Protein backbone atom coordinates (compact mmCIF):
# COMPACT_ATOMS: atom_id res chain seq x y z
CA MET A 1 109.34 101.27 66.10
CA ARG A 2 109.79 104.88 67.23
CA ILE A 3 106.60 107.06 67.01
CA GLU A 4 107.40 110.72 66.26
CA SER A 5 103.88 112.21 65.99
CA ILE A 6 100.22 111.89 66.91
CA GLN A 7 99.51 111.11 63.25
CA GLU A 8 102.00 108.07 63.37
CA LEU A 9 100.39 106.87 66.61
CA GLU A 10 96.77 107.07 65.10
CA LYS A 11 97.87 105.32 61.94
CA LEU A 12 99.47 102.54 63.95
CA ARG A 13 96.33 102.31 66.19
CA LYS A 14 94.05 101.83 63.06
CA THR A 15 96.42 99.08 61.73
CA LEU A 16 96.23 97.27 65.03
CA LEU A 17 92.54 97.36 65.25
CA ASN A 18 92.12 96.10 61.75
CA GLU A 19 94.32 93.18 62.60
CA MET A 20 92.32 92.46 65.63
CA LYS A 21 89.13 92.20 63.59
CA LYS A 22 90.60 89.14 61.73
CA ALA A 23 89.97 86.86 64.68
CA LYS A 24 86.41 85.63 64.75
CA THR A 25 86.73 84.64 68.42
CA ARG A 26 88.82 86.31 71.23
CA ILE A 27 89.59 84.26 74.33
CA ARG A 28 90.82 86.39 77.25
CA ILE A 29 92.24 84.61 80.26
CA CYS A 30 93.02 86.60 83.39
CA ALA A 31 96.72 86.21 84.20
CA GLY A 32 96.78 88.45 87.30
CA THR A 33 98.52 87.22 90.58
CA GLY A 34 95.17 85.73 91.98
CA CYS A 35 94.36 83.65 88.84
CA ARG A 36 97.92 82.66 88.50
CA ALA A 37 97.74 81.15 91.90
CA CYS A 38 94.72 79.17 90.52
CA GLY A 39 96.68 77.87 87.52
CA ALA A 40 96.06 80.52 84.95
CA GLN A 41 99.33 79.92 83.11
CA GLU A 42 98.53 76.34 82.68
CA VAL A 43 95.05 77.29 81.31
CA ILE A 44 96.63 79.66 78.88
CA ASP A 45 99.08 76.97 77.72
CA ALA A 46 96.31 74.54 77.43
CA PHE A 47 94.22 76.89 75.23
CA ARG A 48 97.04 77.43 72.80
CA LYS A 49 98.04 73.84 72.56
CA GLU A 50 94.44 72.58 72.13
CA ALA A 51 93.58 75.32 69.61
CA GLU A 52 96.34 74.30 67.45
CA LYS A 53 95.46 70.59 67.85
CA GLN A 54 91.81 71.38 66.81
CA GLY A 55 92.86 73.55 63.94
CA LEU A 56 91.44 76.70 65.41
CA ASP A 57 94.70 78.73 66.02
CA LEU A 58 94.22 80.94 62.97
CA GLY A 59 90.61 81.97 63.79
CA VAL A 60 90.95 82.28 67.55
CA GLU A 61 92.98 84.81 69.31
CA ILE A 62 94.13 83.59 72.78
CA LYS A 63 95.60 86.09 75.26
CA GLY A 64 96.60 86.24 78.90
CA THR A 65 95.54 89.63 80.21
CA GLY A 66 95.55 91.80 83.43
CA CYS A 67 93.44 91.19 86.55
CA HIS A 68 89.74 91.00 85.76
CA GLY A 69 88.75 91.71 89.34
CA PHE A 70 86.65 88.71 90.33
CA CYS A 71 89.63 87.15 92.06
CA GLU A 72 88.00 84.42 94.10
CA ARG A 73 86.51 82.95 90.82
CA GLY A 74 89.73 82.33 89.12
CA THR A 75 90.86 81.16 86.68
CA LEU A 76 88.52 83.46 84.71
CA VAL A 77 87.92 83.04 81.01
CA VAL A 78 85.98 85.49 78.81
CA ILE A 79 85.00 84.51 75.31
CA GLN A 80 84.48 87.50 73.05
CA PRO A 81 82.60 88.98 71.16
CA LYS A 82 79.66 87.39 73.04
CA GLY A 83 81.18 88.07 76.46
CA ILE A 84 80.57 84.66 77.97
CA LEU A 85 82.36 84.30 81.34
CA TYR A 86 83.45 80.97 82.59
CA GLN A 87 84.92 80.68 86.09
CA THR A 88 87.19 78.39 88.06
CA VAL A 89 88.42 77.01 84.72
CA LYS A 90 90.94 74.30 84.88
CA PRO A 91 93.22 72.96 82.08
CA GLU A 92 91.04 69.89 81.61
CA ASP A 93 88.04 72.16 80.81
CA VAL A 94 89.79 73.66 77.84
CA PRO A 95 89.04 70.99 75.02
CA GLU A 96 85.37 71.23 75.98
CA ILE A 97 85.34 75.02 75.93
CA LEU A 98 86.90 75.12 72.38
CA SER A 99 84.83 72.37 70.98
CA ALA A 100 81.54 73.01 72.58
CA THR A 101 81.43 76.88 72.98
CA VAL A 102 83.81 78.24 70.29
CA GLU A 103 82.92 75.68 67.60
CA GLY A 104 79.49 74.60 68.61
CA GLY A 105 78.02 77.60 70.32
CA GLU A 106 76.89 75.73 73.39
CA ILE A 107 77.16 76.97 76.93
CA ILE A 108 78.85 74.86 79.56
CA ASP A 109 76.55 75.25 82.59
CA ARG A 110 78.99 73.90 85.24
CA LEU A 111 81.47 76.70 84.45
CA LEU A 112 78.94 79.52 84.84
CA TYR A 113 78.76 81.91 87.74
CA VAL A 114 75.93 81.17 90.19
CA ASP A 115 74.47 84.24 92.03
CA PRO A 116 74.52 83.52 95.77
CA VAL A 117 71.24 85.16 96.43
CA SER A 118 69.00 83.98 93.51
CA GLN A 119 71.03 80.84 92.80
CA GLU A 120 70.56 81.75 89.06
CA LYS A 121 73.34 80.75 86.61
CA ILE A 122 74.50 83.77 84.63
CA THR A 123 76.10 83.40 81.13
CA TYR A 124 77.32 86.81 80.25
CA GLU A 125 79.94 88.78 82.12
CA LYS A 126 77.92 92.11 81.74
CA ASP A 127 74.96 90.53 83.51
CA ILE A 128 76.74 89.46 86.63
CA PRO A 129 75.89 91.85 89.47
CA PHE A 130 79.62 92.03 90.43
CA TYR A 131 80.45 93.66 87.17
CA LYS A 132 77.13 95.09 86.20
CA LYS A 133 77.08 97.62 89.01
CA GLN A 134 80.64 98.85 88.69
CA LYS A 135 81.97 101.84 86.64
CA ARG A 136 85.35 100.48 85.43
CA LEU A 137 87.10 103.58 84.11
CA LEU A 138 90.55 102.30 85.15
CA LEU A 139 90.01 98.50 85.40
CA GLY A 140 87.88 98.29 82.20
CA MET A 141 90.96 98.02 80.04
CA ASN A 142 92.56 95.17 82.02
CA PRO A 143 90.56 92.29 80.46
CA ASP A 144 91.42 93.45 76.91
CA ILE A 145 95.17 93.86 76.90
CA ASP A 146 98.28 91.84 77.47
CA PRO A 147 100.28 93.98 79.93
CA THR A 148 103.47 92.84 78.42
CA ASP A 149 102.55 94.04 74.85
CA ILE A 150 102.52 97.76 74.34
CA MET A 151 100.56 97.34 71.05
CA ASP A 152 97.52 96.19 72.91
CA TYR A 153 97.63 99.44 75.01
CA ILE A 154 97.97 101.58 71.90
CA ALA A 155 95.16 99.76 70.23
CA CYS A 156 92.97 100.81 73.17
CA GLY A 157 93.98 104.42 72.79
CA GLY A 158 97.08 104.34 74.82
CA TYR A 159 99.57 107.24 74.74
CA SER A 160 97.07 109.54 72.80
CA ALA A 161 96.70 111.59 76.01
CA LEU A 162 100.45 111.94 76.12
CA GLY A 163 100.49 113.14 72.54
CA LYS A 164 97.75 115.67 73.26
CA ALA A 165 99.48 117.00 76.36
CA LEU A 166 102.88 117.46 74.72
CA THR A 167 101.72 118.79 71.36
CA GLN A 168 98.42 120.60 72.07
CA MET A 169 98.74 121.91 75.65
CA THR A 170 101.24 123.95 77.72
CA ALA A 171 102.40 122.61 80.96
CA GLU A 172 100.30 125.19 82.76
CA GLU A 173 97.22 124.08 80.86
CA VAL A 174 97.87 120.41 81.91
CA VAL A 175 98.08 121.49 85.51
CA ALA A 176 94.93 123.61 85.26
CA GLU A 177 92.95 120.66 83.58
CA VAL A 178 93.93 118.20 86.37
CA LYS A 179 93.22 120.85 88.99
CA THR A 180 89.68 121.50 87.54
CA SER A 181 88.94 117.70 87.28
CA GLY A 182 88.84 117.59 91.12
CA LEU A 183 91.09 114.55 91.21
CA ARG A 184 92.35 113.81 94.70
CA GLY A 185 95.22 111.50 95.65
CA ARG A 186 94.14 107.90 96.00
CA GLY A 187 96.94 106.87 98.21
CA GLY A 188 95.15 107.72 101.43
CA GLY A 189 95.23 111.45 102.25
CA GLY A 190 92.93 112.65 99.35
CA PHE A 191 94.94 115.79 98.65
CA PRO A 192 93.93 117.73 95.49
CA THR A 193 96.37 116.32 92.78
CA GLY A 194 96.37 119.53 90.66
CA THR A 195 97.23 121.67 93.58
CA LYS A 196 100.04 119.42 94.51
CA TRP A 197 101.39 119.60 90.94
CA GLU A 198 101.17 123.26 90.87
CA THR A 199 102.99 123.71 94.17
CA CYS A 200 105.69 121.44 92.94
CA ARG A 201 106.02 123.28 89.63
CA ASP A 202 106.30 126.60 91.37
CA ALA A 203 108.83 125.35 93.98
CA PRO A 204 112.32 126.85 93.46
CA GLY A 205 114.85 124.65 91.98
CA ASP A 206 116.35 123.44 88.66
CA LEU A 207 115.78 119.66 89.13
CA ARG A 208 112.44 118.01 89.94
CA TYR A 209 111.24 114.45 90.24
CA VAL A 210 108.05 112.49 89.97
CA ILE A 211 107.46 109.29 91.84
CA CYS A 212 104.84 106.59 91.64
CA ASN A 213 104.12 104.97 95.10
CA ALA A 214 103.45 101.42 94.58
CA ASP A 215 104.52 100.48 98.05
CA GLU A 216 101.03 99.02 98.95
CA GLY A 217 101.27 97.61 102.44
CA ASP A 218 97.67 97.61 103.77
CA PRO A 219 96.48 94.01 104.86
CA GLY A 220 93.94 92.87 102.30
CA ALA A 221 94.63 95.60 99.82
CA TYR A 222 95.95 94.88 96.37
CA MET A 223 94.45 97.70 94.03
CA ASP A 224 97.87 99.10 93.08
CA ARG A 225 99.41 95.78 92.52
CA SER A 226 96.68 94.73 89.99
CA LEU A 227 96.79 98.01 88.12
CA LEU A 228 100.61 98.15 87.88
CA GLU A 229 100.84 94.47 86.77
CA GLY A 230 97.67 94.58 84.55
CA ASN A 231 98.11 97.84 82.84
CA PRO A 232 101.47 99.28 83.58
CA HIS A 233 101.48 101.65 80.49
CA SER A 234 98.41 103.56 81.91
CA VAL A 235 100.60 104.38 85.02
CA LEU A 236 103.53 105.25 82.95
CA GLU A 237 101.61 107.57 80.59
CA GLY A 238 100.18 109.40 83.67
CA MET A 239 103.67 109.84 85.05
CA ILE A 240 105.14 111.21 81.77
CA ILE A 241 102.25 113.76 81.57
CA GLY A 242 102.79 114.63 85.22
CA ALA A 243 106.55 115.03 84.61
CA TYR A 244 105.82 117.40 81.66
CA ALA A 245 103.33 119.40 83.71
CA ILE A 246 105.64 120.04 86.65
CA GLY A 247 109.00 120.27 84.64
CA ALA A 248 110.63 116.99 85.66
CA ASN A 249 112.88 114.81 83.57
CA GLU A 250 113.44 111.85 85.93
CA GLY A 251 110.99 109.57 87.77
CA TYR A 252 110.81 106.52 89.94
CA ILE A 253 108.34 103.73 90.53
CA TYR A 254 108.85 102.65 94.11
CA VAL A 255 107.24 99.11 94.25
CA ARG A 256 107.24 96.43 96.87
CA ASN A 257 109.60 93.57 96.19
CA GLU A 258 106.79 91.27 97.29
CA TYR A 259 105.02 92.06 93.85
CA PRO A 260 107.25 90.31 91.45
CA LEU A 261 104.78 90.20 88.68
CA ALA A 262 104.15 94.07 88.94
CA VAL A 263 107.92 94.60 88.89
CA GLU A 264 108.34 92.40 85.85
CA ASN A 265 105.52 93.88 83.93
CA ALA A 266 106.45 97.52 84.82
CA ARG A 267 110.13 96.85 83.71
CA LYS A 268 108.86 95.46 80.47
CA ALA A 269 106.56 98.49 79.90
CA ILE A 270 109.44 100.88 80.41
CA GLU A 271 111.48 98.95 77.89
CA GLU A 272 108.71 99.06 75.33
CA ALA A 273 107.94 102.68 75.91
CA LYS A 274 111.56 103.58 75.25
CA GLU A 275 111.50 101.58 72.01
CA CYS A 276 108.45 103.49 70.85
CA GLY A 277 109.84 106.88 71.71
CA PHE A 278 107.51 107.62 74.83
CA LEU A 279 110.41 107.61 77.20
CA GLY A 280 113.77 109.09 76.60
CA GLU A 281 114.73 112.02 74.52
CA ASP A 282 112.62 114.22 72.23
CA ILE A 283 109.23 112.55 73.03
CA PHE A 284 106.78 113.21 70.17
CA SER A 285 109.42 115.42 68.54
CA THR A 286 108.75 118.16 71.26
CA GLY A 287 112.10 118.31 72.78
CA PHE A 288 110.78 116.94 76.06
CA GLU A 289 112.70 114.25 77.70
CA PHE A 290 111.87 111.95 80.63
CA ASP A 291 113.09 108.66 82.01
CA VAL A 292 111.84 106.26 84.70
CA LYS A 293 113.67 103.80 86.96
CA ILE A 294 112.19 101.11 89.19
CA ALA A 295 113.18 100.98 92.90
CA ARG A 296 112.12 97.93 94.87
CA GLY A 297 111.13 98.39 98.45
CA GLY A 298 111.91 95.99 101.28
CA GLY A 299 108.37 95.68 102.55
CA ALA A 300 108.40 98.24 105.29
CA PHE A 301 104.83 99.66 105.87
CA ILE A 302 106.27 103.08 106.86
CA CYS A 303 107.70 103.40 103.35
CA GLY A 304 104.25 104.00 102.06
CA GLU A 305 104.60 107.40 103.71
CA SER A 306 105.88 110.00 101.31
CA SER A 307 108.88 111.31 103.10
CA ALA A 308 109.91 107.95 104.31
CA LEU A 309 109.65 106.50 100.86
CA MET A 310 112.07 109.24 99.61
CA THR A 311 114.65 108.69 102.30
CA SER A 312 114.49 105.02 101.34
CA LEU A 313 115.07 105.87 97.63
CA GLU A 314 118.06 107.85 98.83
CA GLY A 315 119.50 104.62 100.29
CA LYS A 316 118.81 105.48 103.98
CA PRO A 317 116.50 103.84 106.44
CA GLY A 318 112.93 104.67 105.61
CA ARG A 319 111.86 107.20 108.20
CA PRO A 320 109.43 110.02 107.87
CA LYS A 321 110.33 113.74 108.09
CA ALA A 322 108.37 116.43 110.14
CA LYS A 323 105.26 117.60 108.09
CA TYR A 324 106.20 121.23 108.01
CA ILE A 325 108.87 120.10 105.48
CA HIS A 326 106.74 119.62 102.29
CA THR A 327 108.13 117.10 99.80
CA VAL A 328 106.73 119.03 96.82
CA LYS A 329 109.27 121.70 97.80
CA LYS A 330 112.04 119.65 99.40
CA GLY A 331 111.67 115.97 98.63
CA LEU A 332 114.03 113.44 97.08
CA TRP A 333 117.53 114.83 97.63
CA GLU A 334 116.14 117.98 98.95
CA ARG A 335 114.69 118.90 95.53
CA PRO A 336 110.98 119.37 94.59
CA THR A 337 109.37 116.02 94.25
CA ASN A 338 105.75 115.10 93.27
CA LEU A 339 104.65 111.69 94.54
CA ASN A 340 101.30 110.19 93.74
CA ASN A 341 100.17 106.48 93.98
CA VAL A 342 99.45 104.02 91.17
CA GLU A 343 95.77 104.66 90.86
CA THR A 344 96.23 108.50 90.89
CA TRP A 345 98.68 108.36 88.02
CA ALA A 346 96.31 106.01 86.06
CA ASN A 347 93.55 108.58 86.18
CA VAL A 348 95.53 111.23 84.45
CA PRO A 349 95.42 109.99 80.82
CA LEU A 350 91.65 109.68 81.15
CA ILE A 351 91.37 113.35 82.25
CA ILE A 352 93.60 114.62 79.42
CA ASN A 353 91.82 112.60 76.78
CA ASN A 354 88.26 113.24 77.84
CA GLY A 355 88.43 116.60 79.69
CA SER A 356 87.95 117.76 83.24
CA GLN A 357 84.26 118.27 82.96
CA TRP A 358 83.85 114.72 81.81
CA TYR A 359 85.70 113.45 84.81
CA ARG A 360 83.74 115.79 87.27
CA ALA A 361 80.44 114.30 86.03
CA THR A 362 81.27 111.10 88.08
CA GLY A 363 81.34 111.35 92.00
CA THR A 364 80.31 113.67 94.65
CA GLU A 365 80.81 117.37 95.26
CA GLY A 366 84.16 116.88 97.12
CA SER A 367 85.20 113.56 95.66
CA LYS A 368 85.27 113.17 91.89
CA GLY A 369 85.85 110.10 89.64
CA THR A 370 85.74 106.46 90.70
CA LYS A 371 87.61 104.50 93.38
CA ILE A 372 88.97 100.97 93.25
CA PHE A 373 88.34 98.98 96.42
CA SER A 374 89.61 95.51 97.41
CA LEU A 375 86.46 93.85 98.75
CA VAL A 376 87.54 91.13 101.12
CA GLY A 377 86.61 89.33 104.42
CA LYS A 378 83.17 87.87 105.08
CA ILE A 379 81.70 88.57 101.70
CA ASN A 380 80.37 86.38 98.98
CA ASN A 381 81.95 88.02 95.94
CA THR A 382 85.60 88.75 96.88
CA GLY A 383 87.70 90.92 94.46
CA LEU A 384 88.57 94.31 93.11
CA VAL A 385 85.67 96.64 92.46
CA GLU A 386 85.73 100.07 90.89
CA VAL A 387 82.73 102.22 91.80
CA PRO A 388 81.69 105.95 91.44
CA MET A 389 82.66 108.01 94.50
CA GLY A 390 79.45 108.42 96.62
CA MET A 391 78.05 104.88 96.01
CA PRO A 392 76.20 103.80 99.16
CA LEU A 393 78.16 101.23 101.30
CA ARG A 394 74.99 98.98 101.15
CA GLU A 395 75.28 98.84 97.38
CA ILE A 396 78.86 97.78 97.47
CA VAL A 397 78.41 95.06 100.18
CA TYR A 398 75.13 93.68 98.92
CA GLY A 399 74.66 94.84 95.30
CA ILE A 400 78.26 94.06 94.12
CA GLY A 401 79.68 91.93 96.94
CA GLY A 402 76.57 89.62 97.09
CA GLY A 403 76.17 90.05 100.78
CA VAL A 404 77.58 88.11 103.83
CA PRO A 405 78.01 84.36 103.31
CA GLY A 406 75.94 81.86 105.31
CA GLY A 407 72.97 84.24 105.87
CA LYS A 408 74.91 85.96 108.78
CA LYS A 409 74.48 89.59 109.62
CA LEU A 410 76.89 92.25 108.64
CA LYS A 411 78.49 93.82 111.68
CA ALA A 412 80.99 96.31 110.38
CA VAL A 413 83.11 97.36 107.41
CA GLN A 414 86.72 98.34 108.03
CA THR A 415 88.05 100.81 105.43
CA GLY A 416 91.38 102.49 104.88
CA GLY A 417 93.71 99.70 106.01
CA PRO A 418 95.32 99.45 109.53
CA SER A 419 95.18 103.20 109.85
CA GLY A 420 91.36 103.30 108.96
CA GLY A 421 88.38 102.73 111.07
CA CYS A 422 85.40 100.27 111.44
CA VAL A 423 82.01 101.63 110.10
CA PRO A 424 79.13 99.83 111.83
CA GLU A 425 76.15 98.26 110.16
CA ASP A 426 73.89 100.99 111.05
CA LEU A 427 75.85 103.49 108.76
CA ILE A 428 75.53 101.16 105.75
CA ASP A 429 73.53 103.70 103.77
CA MET A 430 76.37 106.18 104.09
CA PRO A 431 77.80 107.28 100.63
CA VAL A 432 81.45 106.27 100.37
CA ASP A 433 83.71 109.23 99.61
CA PHE A 434 86.62 110.96 101.32
CA ASP A 435 84.57 113.36 103.41
CA GLN A 436 81.83 110.91 104.61
CA LEU A 437 84.35 108.24 105.69
CA THR A 438 86.28 110.81 107.67
CA LYS A 439 83.07 111.99 109.38
CA ALA A 440 82.51 108.42 110.49
CA GLY A 441 85.97 108.20 112.02
CA SER A 442 87.52 106.14 109.22
CA MET A 443 89.30 106.99 106.00
CA MET A 444 89.46 106.09 102.38
CA GLY A 445 93.04 105.12 102.57
CA SER A 446 94.29 103.31 99.56
CA GLY A 447 91.04 101.42 99.16
CA GLY A 448 90.97 98.38 101.50
CA MET A 449 87.53 97.30 102.45
CA ILE A 450 87.14 94.37 104.91
CA ILE A 451 83.74 92.99 105.65
CA MET A 452 83.06 91.57 109.05
CA ASP A 453 80.08 89.53 110.11
CA GLU A 454 78.32 89.04 113.46
CA ASN A 455 80.94 86.45 114.63
CA THR A 456 83.72 89.15 114.55
CA CYS A 457 85.09 90.35 117.93
CA MET A 458 85.65 94.11 117.51
CA VAL A 459 87.98 94.21 120.47
CA ASP A 460 90.16 91.63 118.76
CA VAL A 461 90.00 93.58 115.50
CA ALA A 462 91.49 96.67 117.20
CA ARG A 463 94.16 94.42 118.77
CA TYR A 464 94.90 92.84 115.35
CA PHE A 465 95.58 96.14 113.64
CA LEU A 466 97.64 97.60 116.51
CA ASN A 467 99.73 94.49 116.48
CA PHE A 468 100.47 95.00 112.92
CA LEU A 469 101.21 98.67 113.38
CA LYS A 470 103.54 97.94 116.37
CA ASP A 471 105.90 95.97 114.20
CA GLU A 472 105.63 98.60 111.35
CA SER A 473 106.41 101.77 113.42
CA CYS A 474 109.83 103.18 112.42
CA GLY A 475 110.41 104.14 116.01
CA LYS A 476 111.55 107.61 115.23
CA CYS A 477 109.00 109.43 117.48
CA LEU A 478 108.00 108.43 121.02
CA PRO A 479 104.16 108.71 120.80
CA CYS A 480 103.88 106.21 117.93
CA ARG A 481 106.70 103.89 119.13
CA GLU A 482 105.55 103.60 122.72
CA GLY A 483 101.97 104.59 122.55
CA ILE A 484 100.99 101.69 120.10
CA LYS A 485 102.78 99.24 122.40
CA ARG A 486 100.92 100.51 125.49
CA MET A 487 97.58 100.38 123.74
CA LEU A 488 98.30 96.88 122.59
CA GLU A 489 99.41 95.67 126.01
CA ILE A 490 96.00 96.90 127.45
CA LEU A 491 94.04 95.24 124.65
CA ASN A 492 95.83 91.99 125.15
CA ARG A 493 95.13 92.13 128.81
CA ILE A 494 91.36 92.74 128.04
CA CYS A 495 91.17 89.84 125.56
CA GLU A 496 92.84 87.53 128.02
CA GLY A 497 90.24 88.31 130.71
CA ARG A 498 92.57 90.34 132.86
CA GLY A 499 90.99 93.91 131.97
CA VAL A 500 90.32 96.06 135.05
CA GLU A 501 88.00 99.17 135.48
CA GLY A 502 89.62 102.17 133.92
CA ASP A 503 91.29 100.31 131.06
CA VAL A 504 88.82 101.45 128.47
CA ALA A 505 89.24 105.08 129.51
CA LEU A 506 92.96 104.83 129.47
CA LEU A 507 92.83 103.39 126.02
CA GLY A 508 90.93 106.55 124.86
CA GLU A 509 93.47 108.90 126.44
CA ILE A 510 96.45 107.08 124.95
CA ALA A 511 94.85 106.90 121.55
CA GLN A 512 94.06 110.67 121.54
CA THR A 513 97.78 111.42 122.60
CA VAL A 514 99.15 109.36 119.84
CA GLN A 515 96.87 110.76 117.31
CA GLU A 516 97.67 114.38 118.18
CA THR A 517 101.50 114.11 118.76
CA SER A 518 102.99 111.55 116.33
CA LEU A 519 105.34 112.78 113.78
CA CYS A 520 103.83 111.27 110.64
CA ALA A 521 100.44 109.97 109.37
CA LEU A 522 101.17 106.37 110.32
CA GLY A 523 101.14 107.33 114.03
CA GLY A 524 98.52 110.00 113.66
CA SER A 525 96.11 107.46 112.09
CA ALA A 526 97.21 104.26 114.10
CA PRO A 527 94.51 104.71 116.71
CA ASN A 528 91.64 104.81 114.30
CA PRO A 529 90.67 101.17 114.44
CA LEU A 530 90.68 101.49 118.28
CA LEU A 531 88.77 104.68 118.45
CA THR A 532 86.07 103.60 116.03
CA THR A 533 85.44 100.30 117.77
CA LEU A 534 85.38 102.24 121.12
CA LYS A 535 82.83 104.55 119.67
CA TYR A 536 80.54 102.15 117.80
CA PHE A 537 81.07 98.93 119.82
CA GLY A 538 81.75 100.04 123.33
CA ASP A 539 79.43 97.44 124.74
CA GLU A 540 81.79 94.77 123.62
CA TYR A 541 84.65 96.37 125.63
CA VAL A 542 82.47 96.50 128.72
CA ALA A 543 81.52 92.81 128.33
CA HIS A 544 85.21 91.87 128.02
CA VAL A 545 86.30 93.91 131.10
CA ARG A 546 83.27 93.72 133.34
CA ASP A 547 81.60 90.35 132.59
CA LYS A 548 84.72 88.61 131.38
CA LYS A 549 82.90 87.43 128.13
CA CYS A 550 83.61 87.82 124.44
CA PRO A 551 80.14 88.27 122.95
CA ALA A 552 81.40 87.08 119.56
CA GLY A 553 83.01 83.90 120.97
CA ILE A 554 86.47 84.77 119.58
CA CYS A 555 88.85 85.59 122.55
CA LYS A 556 89.80 82.06 123.68
CA ASP A 557 90.34 83.02 127.36
CA LEU A 558 86.83 84.31 127.61
CA ILE A 559 84.91 81.41 126.16
CA ALA A 560 84.10 77.86 126.85
CA TYR A 561 82.47 75.46 124.39
CA ALA A 562 79.44 73.49 125.50
CA ILE A 563 77.27 70.74 123.87
CA SER A 564 73.50 71.22 123.96
CA GLU A 565 71.72 68.17 125.37
CA GLU A 566 68.65 69.00 123.29
CA LYS A 567 70.41 69.12 119.97
CA CYS A 568 73.24 66.60 120.29
CA ASN A 569 72.29 63.25 118.64
CA GLY A 570 75.54 61.56 119.70
CA CYS A 571 76.84 60.92 116.21
CA GLY A 572 80.45 61.37 117.42
CA ALA A 573 81.58 63.60 114.52
CA CYS A 574 82.90 66.17 116.99
CA ALA A 575 84.86 63.58 119.01
CA LYS A 576 86.54 62.31 115.87
CA ALA A 577 87.52 65.85 114.73
CA CYS A 578 88.74 66.97 118.15
CA PRO A 579 92.66 67.18 117.90
CA SER A 580 93.01 67.19 121.73
CA LYS A 581 90.60 64.36 122.39
CA ALA A 582 88.60 66.51 124.71
CA ILE A 583 85.17 65.13 123.72
CA ARG A 584 83.70 61.96 125.28
CA GLY A 585 80.41 60.14 125.02
CA GLU A 586 78.66 56.96 123.96
CA LYS A 587 77.16 56.63 120.43
CA LYS A 588 73.67 58.11 120.23
CA LYS A 589 73.99 59.74 123.61
CA THR A 590 74.82 63.33 124.40
CA HIS A 591 78.62 64.03 124.38
CA VAL A 592 80.42 66.19 126.92
CA ILE A 593 83.53 68.29 126.65
CA ASP A 594 86.60 67.99 129.13
CA HIS A 595 87.59 71.66 129.50
CA ASP A 596 90.82 70.76 131.05
CA LEU A 597 91.80 69.19 127.66
CA CYS A 598 89.97 71.57 125.37
CA THR A 599 92.15 74.03 123.47
CA LYS A 600 89.26 76.09 122.21
CA CYS A 601 90.15 75.61 118.68
CA GLY A 602 86.47 75.57 117.54
CA ILE A 603 86.78 72.52 115.27
CA CYS A 604 84.06 70.64 117.10
CA ALA A 605 81.47 73.59 116.41
CA GLU A 606 82.55 73.75 112.76
CA THR A 607 82.04 69.98 112.48
CA CYS A 608 78.73 69.57 114.14
CA ARG A 609 75.91 69.40 111.55
CA LYS A 610 73.25 69.84 114.22
CA GLN A 611 74.81 73.07 115.48
CA ALA A 612 74.72 71.53 118.99
CA ILE A 613 78.09 73.08 119.99
CA ALA A 614 78.66 76.74 120.63
CA ALA A 615 80.91 79.03 122.55
CA ALA A 616 79.51 80.62 125.73
């Protein structure tokens, strides 16, 4: 149906909410990419089939939803209205869930979350520390809506912000509200969103464009993917409001082709929004018109940079332009263009509906609102977390993430993707916002947060990220193209035990040159992982170069595995596991390693229950 006014929208919303009340039990199954990989679709199908079999299909509402965030625990199932959370659910668990929990009111212990610290089983989603300590302004709607059904979004208040902006506010008032809110771009740079909109609106020219940057390329980061695939209408609504504010009638969602579910759900959302009159001509009978197209990127990391993304949209190779050319004035096809990322656009409806002062109440002085992070690496609770700007890093790692597995010590937190930096453990009480991360030598970036434990080699970490960036450099400017290669060559040499005196100083010089002279932000921030590891973990570089040792036991050329005579009981488990047959010894006697055969794979150390094998 086409909705012509706010009154019609509110009438529809009330009807939808009344229909929802008819179901006594609502079963919400996470159908995001992570849970789909764990068999979520099979679980959804099993619920529907079993509910019909048990005669519950009329009193139970079963719905596949967007990402719930707790990705490593998939498939996630939440039973409302009580809020019972079952984790790692399989299709064979479904009959028992329906008969025991839905009909009988019993709790199935084996499917409950177990806290890694207290070992307590927790029944309700709201009581699990992973969820309890978050502030889910953006992700909170994901578990309640089917991303392929616009009616779910409307029932949760969707498109009311658009109606308010178009019928009750001028374009200038919308810009002013976003500007006052303090919203900063969530794509990496953290530039004030309202100022960006204002500059684009004031730029000379008749045609303007708005773009959603969904080309999320940071290793370990998937915030934008989960938002776009889990709640695409929130992104669309933000884009339409932004288009009205700056005077644009055409927009693009530039999304990685590696995100098929996000592409599919965004395309479906556009179709539904057109049918309801939220896209196209005469939106809310105001005369305003706007349309959106999807452009699929080929996976080039450089196309996450604004000007490179726009040249790619034009059908050219994705290469950045000099920064003195501002895309808000001369962007796509040399016309004023406003680009924000997925998370930034999704914040806009919240600001318009609730007001700038409401939004400013969350966060720090220079960083307002919440931020979504992908919490990955050596952490007990892996997944997406949304927290207020300024939450201490300690609270994220231990309060929400559940700490480091195996009782190991936290060593560093890498933020901001391959262009970010490594924050050491002694800065763990630092509040996380744009300014504090920059002071530490890192950056917010799009929101990747990789946890590293005591067994991580920081020299190898710098090498890993530079190796990634070497292949992703567009090659347009010499400092980035050649500088990254030279830094990587030196790091490879150091990790292979061929480092010489002066290598560490040379790395610092090259890094500074690349940082100061590269054409775009990719080159300018590429040295960050190296510079922060040099700053905070310089002793590891010295150990690699001077002592020819890797303190973490990671760099194969600098380690040798040895078996402790005191700890080895001669069980032979290591010899059986060794793929190169490098371990010999009689039963119940100390075994030895033949270093000529040893490939330093580490399987023996992982296998040994007595922890008698270690790298030296």
